[in-house]
Amino acid sequence: MTNAIKTLIGTAALVALAGCVETGGGTSGGGMTDDGLSGTEAQFDGMNARCIDQAARYAGYPAMDINIVERIRTGGGPLLVLDAGGQRLSCRLEDDGSVTVFSEYAN
């Protein structure tokens, strides 16, 4: 019985978290829905090179070897997750249009 309760609580927690962020490339067949999250394809595309360049300086790793692992739409704007030789970095778009790279574990 306790395993069933734990499973139910775990499932409820995962469902609640799933509503917080959307990952991937957006919706198909028409644009983004108005779900309170922000991050358009154009914003992500405009961030790619700048985030990789800044991540290379931050991590001391060659830019050509840094990969974009994930695009995440959040309530605070678009966020890229990068891999620099096994080091996970995040890159967010600032209000002024600049990008900021930080350790994935900085928060």
PDB file of N, CA and C in Angstrom:
ATOM      1  N   MET A   1       0.818  -1.195   0.000  1.00  0.00           N
ATOM      2  CA  MET A   1       0.000   0.000   0.000  1.00  0.00           C
ATOM      3  C   MET A   1       0.863   1.260   0.000  1.00  0.00           C
ATOM      4  N   THR A   2       1.927   1.274   0.804  1.00  0.00           N
ATOM      5  CA  THR A   2       2.773   2.464   0.849  1.00  0.00           C
ATOM      6  C   THR A   2       3.486   2.687  -0.475  1.00  0.00           C
ATOM      7  N   ASN A   3       3.826   1.617  -1.202  1.00  0.00           N
ATOM      8  CA  ASN A   3       4.446   1.785  -2.516  1.00  0.00           C
ATOM      9  C   ASN A   3       3.480   2.436  -3.491  1.00  0.00           C
ATOM     10  N   ALA A   4       2.215   2.074  -3.420  1.00  0.00           N
ATOM     11  CA  ALA A   4       1.209   2.682  -4.296  1.00  0.00           C
ATOM     12  C   ALA A   4       1.061   4.160  -3.989  1.00  0.00           C
ATOM     13  N   ILE A   5       1.096   4.531  -2.729  1.00  0.00           N
ATOM     14  CA  ILE A   5       0.981   5.940  -2.344  1.00  0.00           C
ATOM     15  C   ILE A   5       2.213   6.707  -2.815  1.00  0.00           C
ATOM     16  N   LYS A   6       3.402   6.134  -2.630  1.00  0.00           N
ATOM     17  CA  LYS A   6       4.624   6.788  -3.090  1.00  0.00           C
ATOM     18  C   LYS A   6       4.601   6.969  -4.596  1.00  0.00           C
ATOM     19  N   THR A   7       4.147   5.966  -5.315  1.00  0.00           N
ATOM     20  CA  THR A   7       4.060   6.057  -6.767  1.00  0.00           C
ATOM     21  C   THR A   7       3.086   7.148  -7.179  1.00  0.00           C
ATOM     22  N   LEU A   8       1.955   7.229  -6.520  1.00  0.00           N
ATOM     23  CA  LEU A   8       0.952   8.251  -6.813  1.00  0.00           C
ATOM     24  C   LEU A   8       1.507   9.641  -6.548  1.00  0.00           C
ATOM     25  N   ILE A   9       2.191   9.827  -5.437  1.00  0.00           N
ATOM     26  CA  ILE A   9       2.771  11.128  -5.104  1.00  0.00           C
ATOM     27  C   ILE A   9       3.854  11.488  -6.116  1.00  0.00           C
ATOM     28  N   GLY A  10       4.698  10.522  -6.470  1.00  0.00           N
ATOM     29  CA  GLY A  10       5.745  10.765  -7.459  1.00  0.00           C
ATOM     30  C   GLY A  10       5.174  11.151  -8.806  1.00  0.00           C
ATOM     31  N   THR A  11       4.131  10.471  -9.229  1.00  0.00           N
ATOM     32  CA  THR A  11       3.479  10.780 -10.503  1.00  0.00           C
ATOM     33  C   THR A  11       2.887  12.182 -10.475  1.00  0.00           C
ATOM     34  N   ALA A  12       2.227  12.530  -9.379  1.00  0.00           N
ATOM     35  CA  ALA A  12       1.634  13.865  -9.250  1.00  0.00           C
ATOM     36  C   ALA A  12       2.714  14.940  -9.306  1.00  0.00           C
ATOM     37  N   ALA A  13       3.850  14.699  -8.675  1.00  0.00           N
ATOM     38  CA  ALA A  13       4.944  15.671  -8.693  1.00  0.00           C
ATOM     39  C   ALA A  13       5.495  15.845 -10.108  1.00  0.00           C
ATOM     40  N   LEU A  14       5.664  14.763 -10.834  1.00  0.00           N
ATOM     41  CA  LEU A  14       6.169  14.849 -12.204  1.00  0.00           C
ATOM     42  C   LEU A  14       5.197  15.588 -13.119  1.00  0.00           C
ATOM     43  N   VAL A  15       3.925  15.346 -12.945  1.00  0.00           N
ATOM     44  CA  VAL A  15       2.923  16.037 -13.752  1.00  0.00           C
ATOM     45  C   VAL A  15       2.962  17.532 -13.456  1.00  0.00           C
ATOM     46  N   ALA A  16       3.108  17.893 -12.191  1.00  0.00           N
ATOM     47  CA  ALA A  16       3.181  19.312 -11.822  1.00  0.00           C
ATOM     48  C   ALA A  16       4.416  19.965 -12.423  1.00  0.00           C
ATOM     49  N   LEU A  17       5.552  19.280 -12.396  1.00  0.00           N
ATOM     50  CA  LEU A  17       6.776  19.831 -12.966  1.00  0.00           C
ATOM     51  C   LEU A  17       6.709  19.942 -14.477  1.00  0.00           C
ATOM     52  N   ALA A  18       6.032  19.036 -15.103  1.00  0.00           N
ATOM     53  CA  ALA A  18       5.934  19.053 -16.567  1.00  0.00           C
ATOM     54  C   ALA A  18       5.283  20.336 -17.064  1.00  0.00           C
ATOM     55  N   GLY A  19       4.439  20.945 -16.266  1.00  0.00           N
ATOM     56  CA  GLY A  19       3.789  22.178 -16.658  1.00  0.00           C
ATOM     57  C   GLY A  19       4.663  23.408 -16.517  1.00  0.00           C
ATOM     58  N   CYS A  20       5.850  23.279 -15.917  1.00  0.00           N
ATOM     59  CA  CYS A  20       6.703  24.432 -15.651  1.00  0.00           C
ATOM     60  C   CYS A  20       7.525  24.858 -16.864  1.00  0.00           C
ATOM     61  N   VAL A  21       8.043  23.924 -17.619  1.00  0.00           N
ATOM     62  CA  VAL A  21       8.881  24.251 -18.765  1.00  0.00           C
ATOM     63  C   VAL A  21       8.509  23.376 -19.942  1.00  0.00           C
ATOM     64  N   GLU A  22       8.816  23.878 -21.125  1.00  0.00           N
ATOM     65  CA  GLU A  22       8.641  23.094 -22.342  1.00  0.00           C
ATOM     66  C   GLU A  22       9.987  23.026 -23.010  1.00  0.00           C
ATOM     67  N   THR A  23      10.418  21.861 -23.386  1.00  0.00           N
ATOM     68  CA  THR A  23      11.694  21.713 -24.068  1.00  0.00           C
ATOM     69  C   THR A  23      11.447  21.393 -25.520  1.00  0.00           C
ATOM     70  N   GLY A  24      12.462  21.529 -26.317  1.00  0.00           N
ATOM     71  CA  GLY A  24      12.369  21.163 -27.720  1.00  0.00           C
ATOM     72  C   GLY A  24      12.184  22.362 -28.601  1.00  0.00           C
ATOM     73  N   GLY A  25      11.740  22.097 -29.802  1.00  0.00           N
ATOM     74  CA  GLY A  25      11.703  23.129 -30.821  1.00  0.00           C
ATOM     75  C   GLY A  25      10.387  23.839 -30.976  1.00  0.00           C
ATOM     76  N   GLY A  26       9.443  23.674 -30.101  1.00  0.00           N
ATOM     77  CA  GLY A  26       8.185  24.383 -30.216  1.00  0.00           C
ATOM     78  C   GLY A  26       7.078  23.501 -30.757  1.00  0.00           C
ATOM     79  N   THR A  27       6.019  24.136 -31.203  1.00  0.00           N
ATOM     80  CA  THR A  27       4.872  23.384 -31.691  1.00  0.00           C
ATOM     81  C   THR A  27       4.946  23.258 -33.197  1.00  0.00           C
ATOM     82  N   SER A  28       4.322  22.253 -33.714  1.00  0.00           N
ATOM     83  CA  SER A  28       4.329  22.072 -35.161  1.00  0.00           C
ATOM     84  C   SER A  28       3.034  22.599 -35.756  1.00  0.00           C
ATOM     85  N   GLY A  29       3.125  22.963 -36.995  1.00  0.00           N
ATOM     86  CA  GLY A  29       1.941  23.354 -37.726  1.00  0.00           C
ATOM     87  C   GLY A  29       1.434  24.723 -37.424  1.00  0.00           C
ATOM     88  N   GLY A  30       2.165  25.590 -36.902  1.00  0.00           N
ATOM     89  CA  GLY A  30       1.678  26.916 -36.673  1.00  0.00           C
ATOM     90  C   GLY A  30       2.381  27.717 -35.648  1.00  0.00           C
ATOM     91  N   GLY A  31       2.777  28.132 -34.966  1.00  0.00           N
ATOM     92  CA  GLY A  31       3.501  28.924 -34.015  1.00  0.00           C
ATOM     93  C   GLY A  31       3.365  28.445 -32.594  1.00  0.00           C
ATOM     94  N   MET A  32       3.856  29.200 -31.730  1.00  0.00           N
ATOM     95  CA  MET A  32       3.848  28.871 -30.308  1.00  0.00           C
ATOM     96  C   MET A  32       2.476  29.166 -29.718  1.00  0.00           C
ATOM     97  N   THR A  33       2.117  28.420 -28.736  1.00  0.00           N
ATOM     98  CA  THR A  33       0.876  28.691 -28.035  1.00  0.00           C
ATOM     99  C   THR A  33       1.153  29.725 -26.956  1.00  0.00           C
ATOM    100  N   ASP A  34       0.112  30.404 -26.494  1.00  0.00           N
ATOM    101  CA  ASP A  34       0.266  31.389 -25.430  1.00  0.00           C
ATOM    102  C   ASP A  34       0.146  30.661 -24.098  1.00  0.00           C
ATOM    103  N   ASP A  35       1.264  30.059 -23.680  1.00  0.00           N
ATOM    104  CA  ASP A  35       1.261  29.255 -22.465  1.00  0.00           C
ATOM    105  C   ASP A  35       2.012  29.919 -21.313  1.00  0.00           C
ATOM    106  N   GLY A  36       2.401  31.184 -21.478  1.00  0.00           N
ATOM    107  CA  GLY A  36       3.121  31.885 -20.427  1.00  0.00           C
ATOM    108  C   GLY A  36       4.627  31.675 -20.491  1.00  0.00           C
ATOM    109  N   LEU A  37       5.081  30.805 -21.393  1.00  0.00           N
ATOM    110  CA  LEU A  37       6.507  30.559 -21.561  1.00  0.00           C
ATOM    111  C   LEU A  37       7.009  31.372 -22.746  1.00  0.00           C
ATOM    112  N   SER A  38       8.277  31.747 -22.708  1.00  0.00           N
ATOM    113  CA  SER A  38       8.800  32.522 -23.823  1.00  0.00           C
ATOM    114  C   SER A  38      10.045  31.871 -24.391  1.00  0.00           C
ATOM    115  N   GLY A  39      10.266  32.137 -25.660  1.00  0.00           N
ATOM    116  CA  GLY A  39      11.384  31.580 -26.406  1.00  0.00           C
ATOM    117  C   GLY A  39      10.907  31.154 -27.774  1.00  0.00           C
ATOM    118  N   THR A  40      11.191  31.974 -28.772  1.00  0.00           N
ATOM    119  CA  THR A  40      10.784  31.656 -30.137  1.00  0.00           C
ATOM    120  C   THR A  40      11.961  31.033 -30.881  1.00  0.00           C
ATOM    121  N   GLU A  41      11.673  30.403 -32.000  1.00  0.00           N
ATOM    122  CA  GLU A  41      12.735  29.827 -32.826  1.00  0.00           C
ATOM    123  C   GLU A  41      13.732  30.910 -33.220  1.00  0.00           C
ATOM    124  N   ALA A  42      13.233  32.099 -33.565  1.00  0.00           N
ATOM    125  CA  ALA A  42      14.126  33.192 -33.960  1.00  0.00           C
ATOM    126  C   ALA A  42      15.036  33.604 -32.800  1.00  0.00           C
ATOM    127  N   GLN A  43      14.497  33.653 -31.591  1.00  0.00           N
ATOM    128  CA  GLN A  43      15.326  33.991 -30.434  1.00  0.00           C
ATOM    129  C   GLN A  43      16.399  32.927 -30.206  1.00  0.00           C
ATOM    130  N   PHE A  44      16.008  31.659 -30.230  1.00  0.00           N
ATOM    131  CA  PHE A  44      16.980  30.585 -30.051  1.00  0.00           C
ATOM    132  C   PHE A  44      18.055  30.637 -31.129  1.00  0.00           C
ATOM    133  N   ASP A  45      17.634  30.783 -32.387  1.00  0.00           N
ATOM    134  CA  ASP A  45      18.590  30.822 -33.491  1.00  0.00           C
ATOM    135  C   ASP A  45      19.559  31.993 -33.343  1.00  0.00           C
ATOM    136  N   GLY A  46      19.063  33.134 -32.874  1.00  0.00           N
ATOM    137  CA  GLY A  46      19.906  34.305 -32.673  1.00  0.00           C
ATOM    138  C   GLY A  46      20.869  34.169 -31.501  1.00  0.00           C
ATOM    139  N   MET A  47      20.581  33.267 -30.590  1.00  0.00           N
ATOM    140  CA  MET A  47      21.429  33.046 -29.416  1.00  0.00           C
ATOM    141  C   MET A  47      22.558  32.062 -29.678  1.00  0.00           C
ATOM    142  N   ASN A  48      22.361  31.131 -30.594  1.00  0.00           N
ATOM    143  CA  ASN A  48      23.278  30.001 -30.770  1.00  0.00           C
ATOM    144  C   ASN A  48      24.750  30.401 -30.808  1.00  0.00           C
ATOM    145  N   ALA A  49      25.155  31.199 -31.781  1.00  0.00           N
ATOM    146  CA  ALA A  49      26.568  31.538 -31.963  1.00  0.00           C
ATOM    147  C   ALA A  49      27.095  32.348 -30.786  1.00  0.00           C
ATOM    148  N   ARG A  50      26.300  33.309 -30.315  1.00  0.00           N
ATOM    149  CA  ARG A  50      26.757  34.150 -29.200  1.00  0.00           C
ATOM    150  C   ARG A  50      26.944  33.332 -27.930  1.00  0.00           C
ATOM    151  N   CYS A  51      26.037  32.390 -27.671  1.00  0.00           N
ATOM    152  CA  CYS A  51      26.157  31.538 -26.485  1.00  0.00           C
ATOM    153  C   CYS A  51      27.373  30.623 -26.586  1.00  0.00           C
ATOM    154  N   ILE A  52      27.594  30.049 -27.755  1.00  0.00           N
ATOM    155  CA  ILE A  52      28.736  29.160 -27.935  1.00  0.00           C
ATOM    156  C   ILE A  52      30.044  29.933 -27.764  1.00  0.00           C
ATOM    157  N   ASP A  53      30.124  31.140 -28.343  1.00  0.00           N
ATOM    158  CA  ASP A  53      31.342  31.949 -28.198  1.00  0.00           C
ATOM    159  C   ASP A  53      31.599  32.303 -26.736  1.00  0.00           C
ATOM    160  N   GLN A  54      30.561  32.717 -26.036  1.00  0.00           N
ATOM    161  CA  GLN A  54      30.724  33.084 -24.627  1.00  0.00           C
ATOM    162  C   GLN A  54      31.052  31.856 -23.773  1.00  0.00           C
ATOM    163  N   ALA A  55      30.443  30.716 -24.089  1.00  0.00           N
ATOM    164  CA  ALA A  55      30.724  29.481 -23.356  1.00  0.00           C
ATOM    165  C   ALA A  55      32.173  29.049 -23.563  1.00  0.00           C
ATOM    166  N   ALA A  56      32.708  29.260 -24.760  1.00  0.00           N
ATOM    167  CA  ALA A  56      34.105  28.908 -25.032  1.00  0.00           C
ATOM    168  C   ALA A  56      35.042  29.734 -24.156  1.00  0.00           C
ATOM    169  N   ARG A  57      34.759  31.018 -24.024  1.00  0.00           N
ATOM    170  CA  ARG A  57      35.578  31.866 -23.152  1.00  0.00           C
ATOM    171  C   ARG A  57      35.411  31.462 -21.692  1.00  0.00           C
ATOM    172  N   TYR A  58      34.185  31.195 -21.289  1.00  0.00           N
ATOM    173  CA  TYR A  58      33.885  30.829 -19.893  1.00  0.00           C
ATOM    174  C   TYR A  58      34.577  29.526 -19.494  1.00  0.00           C
ATOM    175  N   ALA A  59      34.498  28.525 -20.362  1.00  0.00           N
ATOM    176  CA  ALA A  59      34.992  27.191 -20.022  1.00  0.00           C
ATOM    177  C   ALA A  59      36.422  26.935 -20.488  1.00  0.00           C
ATOM    178  N   GLY A  60      36.962  27.843 -21.309  1.00  0.00           N
ATOM    179  CA  GLY A  60      38.288  27.595 -21.860  1.00  0.00           C
ATOM    180  C   GLY A  60      38.307  26.367 -22.761  1.00  0.00           C
ATOM    181  N   TYR A  61      37.241  26.205 -23.533  1.00  0.00           N
ATOM    182  CA  TYR A  61      37.067  25.033 -24.382  1.00  0.00           C
ATOM    183  C   TYR A  61      36.823  25.523 -25.811  1.00  0.00           C
ATOM    184  N   PRO A  62      37.310  24.822 -26.823  1.00  0.00           N
ATOM    185  CA  PRO A  62      37.133  25.293 -28.212  1.00  0.00           C
ATOM    186  C   PRO A  62      35.651  25.417 -28.602  1.00  0.00           C
ATOM    187  N   ALA A  63      35.312  26.556 -29.177  1.00  0.00           N
ATOM    188  CA  ALA A  63      33.926  26.810 -29.574  1.00  0.00           C
ATOM    189  C   ALA A  63      33.398  25.750 -30.540  1.00  0.00           C
ATOM    190  N   MET A  64      34.250  25.269 -31.420  1.00  0.00           N
ATOM    191  CA  MET A  64      33.788  24.298 -32.420  1.00  0.00           C
ATOM    192  C   MET A  64      33.407  22.958 -31.789  1.00  0.00           C
ATOM    193  N   ASP A  65      33.814  22.737 -30.544  1.00  0.00           N
ATOM    194  CA  ASP A  65      33.498  21.483 -29.861  1.00  0.00           C
ATOM    195  C   ASP A  65      32.381  21.622 -28.830  1.00  0.00           C
ATOM    196  N   ILE A  66      31.754  22.790 -28.766  1.00  0.00           N
ATOM    197  CA  ILE A  66      30.640  23.006 -27.832  1.00  0.00           C
ATOM    198  C   ILE A  66      29.338  22.700 -28.557  1.00  0.00           C
ATOM    199  N   ASN A  67      28.513  21.905 -27.918  1.00  0.00           N
ATOM    200  CA  ASN A  67      27.244  21.494 -28.515  1.00  0.00           C
ATOM    201  C   ASN A  67      26.059  22.062 -27.749  1.00  0.00           C
ATOM    202  N   ILE A  68      25.006  22.381 -28.494  1.00  0.00           N
ATOM    203  CA  ILE A  68      23.740  22.765 -27.875  1.00  0.00           C
ATOM    204  C   ILE A  68      22.976  21.482 -27.605  1.00  0.00           C
ATOM    205  N   VAL A  69      22.694  21.246 -26.338  1.00  0.00           N
ATOM    206  CA  VAL A  69      22.049  20.011 -25.924  1.00  0.00           C
ATOM    207  C   VAL A  69      20.533  20.158 -25.914  1.00  0.00           C
ATOM    208  N   GLU A  70      20.071  21.337 -25.522  1.00  0.00           N
ATOM    209  CA  GLU A  70      18.634  21.500 -25.355  1.00  0.00           C
ATOM    210  C   GLU A  70      18.248  22.968 -25.468  1.00  0.00           C
ATOM    211  N   ARG A  71      17.063  23.215 -25.990  1.00  0.00           N
ATOM    212  CA  ARG A  71      16.443  24.541 -26.024  1.00  0.00           C
ATOM    213  C   ARG A  71      15.250  24.475 -25.075  1.00  0.00           C
ATOM    214  N   ILE A  72      15.210  25.381 -24.117  1.00  0.00           N
ATOM    215  CA  ILE A  72      14.135  25.338 -23.126  1.00  0.00           C
ATOM    216  C   ILE A  72      13.405  26.684 -23.102  1.00  0.00           C
ATOM    217  N   ARG A  73      12.101  26.628 -23.260  1.00  0.00           N
ATOM    218  CA  ARG A  73      11.250  27.813 -23.099  1.00  0.00           C
ATOM    219  C   ARG A  73      10.894  27.905 -21.621  1.00  0.00           C
ATOM    220  N   THR A  74      11.120  29.079 -21.022  1.00  0.00           N
ATOM    221  CA  THR A  74      10.803  29.264 -19.611  1.00  0.00           C
ATOM    222  C   THR A  74       9.950  30.516 -19.442  1.00  0.00           C
ATOM    223  N   GLY A  75       9.467  30.723 -18.247  1.00  0.00           N
ATOM    224  CA  GLY A  75       8.721  31.946 -17.947  1.00  0.00           C
ATOM    225  C   GLY A  75       9.607  33.174 -17.961  1.00  0.00           C
ATOM    226  N   GLY A  76      10.922  32.967 -17.855  1.00  0.00           N
ATOM    227  CA  GLY A  76      11.878  34.074 -17.860  1.00  0.00           C
ATOM    228  C   GLY A  76      12.577  34.273 -19.193  1.00  0.00           C
ATOM    229  N   GLY A  77      12.190  33.530 -20.208  1.00  0.00           N
ATOM    230  CA  GLY A  77      12.803  33.673 -21.523  1.00  0.00           C
ATOM    231  C   GLY A  77      13.504  32.406 -21.963  1.00  0.00           C
ATOM    232  N   PRO A  78      14.059  32.440 -23.178  1.00  0.00           N
ATOM    233  CA  PRO A  78      14.699  31.251 -23.730  1.00  0.00           C
ATOM    234  C   PRO A  78      15.991  30.908 -22.995  1.00  0.00           C
ATOM    235  N   LEU A  79      16.270  29.610 -22.901  1.00  0.00           N
ATOM    236  CA  LEU A  79      17.465  29.109 -22.220  1.00  0.00           C
ATOM    237  C   LEU A  79      18.053  27.973 -23.051  1.00  0.00           C
ATOM    238  N   LEU A  80      19.336  28.085 -23.357  1.00  0.00           N
ATOM    239  CA  LEU A  80      20.041  27.010 -24.050  1.00  0.00           C
ATOM    240  C   LEU A  80      20.883  26.252 -23.038  1.00  0.00           C
ATOM    241  N   VAL A  81      20.893  24.936 -23.154  1.00  0.00           N
ATOM    242  CA  VAL A  81      21.787  24.098 -22.354  1.00  0.00           C
ATOM    243  C   VAL A  81      22.900  23.650 -23.283  1.00  0.00           C
ATOM    244  N   LEU A  82      24.140  23.886 -22.854  1.00  0.00           N
ATOM    245  CA  LEU A  82      25.304  23.604 -23.675  1.00  0.00           C
ATOM    246  C   LEU A  82      26.177  22.542 -23.022  1.00  0.00           C
ATOM    247  N   ASP A  83      26.925  21.824 -23.859  1.00  0.00           N
ATOM    248  CA  ASP A  83      27.902  20.860 -23.363  1.00  0.00           C
ATOM    249  C   ASP A  83      29.269  21.282 -23.880  1.00  0.00           C
ATOM    250  N   ALA A  84      30.176  21.591 -22.936  1.00  0.00           N
ATOM    251  CA  ALA A  84      31.541  21.982 -23.276  1.00  0.00           C
ATOM    252  C   ALA A  84      32.475  20.932 -22.701  1.00  0.00           C
ATOM    253  N   GLY A  85      32.692  19.859 -23.442  1.00  0.00           N
ATOM    254  CA  GLY A  85      33.582  18.804 -22.990  1.00  0.00           C
ATOM    255  C   GLY A  85      33.127  18.127 -21.713  1.00  0.00           C
ATOM    256  N   GLY A  86      31.840  17.933 -21.578  1.00  0.00           N
ATOM    257  CA  GLY A  86      31.295  17.288 -20.382  1.00  0.00           C
ATOM    258  C   GLY A  86      30.843  18.267 -19.315  1.00  0.00           C
ATOM    259  N   GLN A  87      31.216  19.533 -19.448  1.00  0.00           N
ATOM    260  CA  GLN A  87      30.762  20.562 -18.509  1.00  0.00           C
ATOM    261  C   GLN A  87      29.453  21.140 -19.030  1.00  0.00           C
ATOM    262  N   ARG A  88      28.392  21.047 -18.229  1.00  0.00           N
ATOM    263  CA  ARG A  88      27.092  21.589 -18.628  1.00  0.00           C
ATOM    264  C   ARG A  88      27.023  23.066 -18.277  1.00  0.00           C
ATOM    265  N   LEU A  89      26.643  23.855 -19.270  1.00  0.00           N
ATOM    266  CA  LEU A  89      26.481  25.291 -19.096  1.00  0.00           C
ATOM    267  C   LEU A  89      25.093  25.683 -19.564  1.00  0.00           C
ATOM    268  N   SER A  90      24.578  26.765 -19.009  1.00  0.00           N
ATOM    269  CA  SER A  90      23.302  27.322 -19.444  1.00  0.00           C
ATOM    270  C   SER A  90      23.560  28.699 -20.026  1.00  0.00           C
ATOM    271  N   CYS A  91      22.733  29.094 -20.970  1.00  0.00           N
ATOM    272  CA  CYS A  91      22.851  30.410 -21.588  1.00  0.00           C
ATOM    273  C   CYS A  91      21.454  31.000 -21.706  1.00  0.00           C
ATOM    274  N   ARG A  92      21.281  32.168 -21.117  1.00  0.00           N
ATOM    275  CA  ARG A  92      19.963  32.811 -21.177  1.00  0.00           C
ATOM    276  C   ARG A  92      20.039  34.104 -21.968  1.00  0.00           C
ATOM    277  N   LEU A  93      18.915  34.481 -22.531  1.00  0.00           N
ATOM    278  CA  LEU A  93      18.779  35.739 -23.256  1.00  0.00           C
ATOM    279  C   LEU A  93      18.341  36.804 -22.265  1.00  0.00           C
ATOM    280  N   GLU A  94      19.104  37.893 -22.181  1.00  0.00           N
ATOM    281  CA  GLU A  94      18.793  38.987 -21.263  1.00  0.00           C
ATOM    282  C   GLU A  94      17.811  39.960 -21.908  1.00  0.00           C
ATOM    283  N   ASP A  95      17.211  40.813 -21.081  1.00  0.00           N
ATOM    284  CA  ASP A  95      16.231  41.785 -21.573  1.00  0.00           C
ATOM    285  C   ASP A  95      16.817  42.748 -22.607  1.00  0.00           C
ATOM    286  N   ASP A  96      18.114  43.049 -22.481  1.00  0.00           N
ATOM    287  CA  ASP A  96      18.742  43.984 -23.416  1.00  0.00           C
ATOM    288  C   ASP A  96      19.225  43.310 -24.706  1.00  0.00           C
ATOM    289  N   GLY A  97      18.952  42.000 -24.849  1.00  0.00           N
ATOM    290  CA  GLY A  97      19.328  41.268 -26.048  1.00  0.00           C
ATOM    291  C   GLY A  97      20.667  40.559 -25.946  1.00  0.00           C
ATOM    292  N   SER A  98      21.421  40.817 -24.887  1.00  0.00           N
ATOM    293  CA  SER A  98      22.695  40.114 -24.703  1.00  0.00           C
ATOM    294  C   SER A  98      22.421  38.719 -24.158  1.00  0.00           C
ATOM    295  N   VAL A  99      23.456  37.891 -24.118  1.00  0.00           N
ATOM    296  CA  VAL A  99      23.327  36.553 -23.554  1.00  0.00           C
ATOM    297  C   VAL A  99      24.280  36.417 -22.373  1.00  0.00           C
ATOM    298  N   THR A 100      23.926  35.547 -21.436  1.00  0.00           N
ATOM    299  CA  THR A 100      24.750  35.281 -20.268  1.00  0.00           C
ATOM    300  C   THR A 100      24.922  33.773 -20.130  1.00  0.00           C
ATOM    301  N   VAL A 101      26.180  33.336 -20.034  1.00  0.00           N
ATOM    302  CA  VAL A 101      26.496  31.916 -19.828  1.00  0.00           C
ATOM    303  C   VAL A 101      26.864  31.715 -18.371  1.00  0.00           C
ATOM    304  N   PHE A 102      26.367  30.640 -17.791  1.00  0.00           N
ATOM    305  CA  PHE A 102      26.665  30.323 -16.400  1.00  0.00           C
ATOM    306  C   PHE A 102      26.624  28.815 -16.224  1.00  0.00           C
ATOM    307  N   SER A 103      27.220  28.367 -15.128  1.00  0.00           N
ATOM    308  CA  SER A 103      27.220  26.945 -14.823  1.00  0.00           C
ATOM    309  C   SER A 103      25.795  26.467 -14.646  1.00  0.00           C
ATOM    310  N   GLU A 104      25.506  25.290 -15.151  1.00  0.00           N
ATOM    311  CA  GLU A 104      24.163  24.732 -15.022  1.00  0.00           C
ATOM    312  C   GLU A 104      23.757  24.613 -13.559  1.00  0.00           C
ATOM    313  N   TYR A 105      24.738  24.525 -12.680  1.00  0.00           N
ATOM    314  CA  TYR A 105      24.450  24.329 -11.252  1.00  0.00           C
ATOM    315  C   TYR A 105      24.547  25.619 -10.455  1.00  0.00           C
ATOM    316  N   ALA A 106      24.545  26.770 -11.137  1.00  0.00           N
ATOM    317  CA  ALA A 106      24.692  28.064 -10.449  1.00  0.00           C
ATOM    318  C   ALA A 106      23.453  28.424  -9.642  1.00  0.00           C
ATOM    319  N   ASN A 107      22.307  27.903 -10.030  1.00  0.00           N
ATOM    320  CA  ASN A 107      21.082  28.275  -9.313  1.00  0.00           C
ATOM    321  C   ASN A 107      20.944  27.445  -8.117  1.00  0.00           C
TER     322      ASN A 107
END
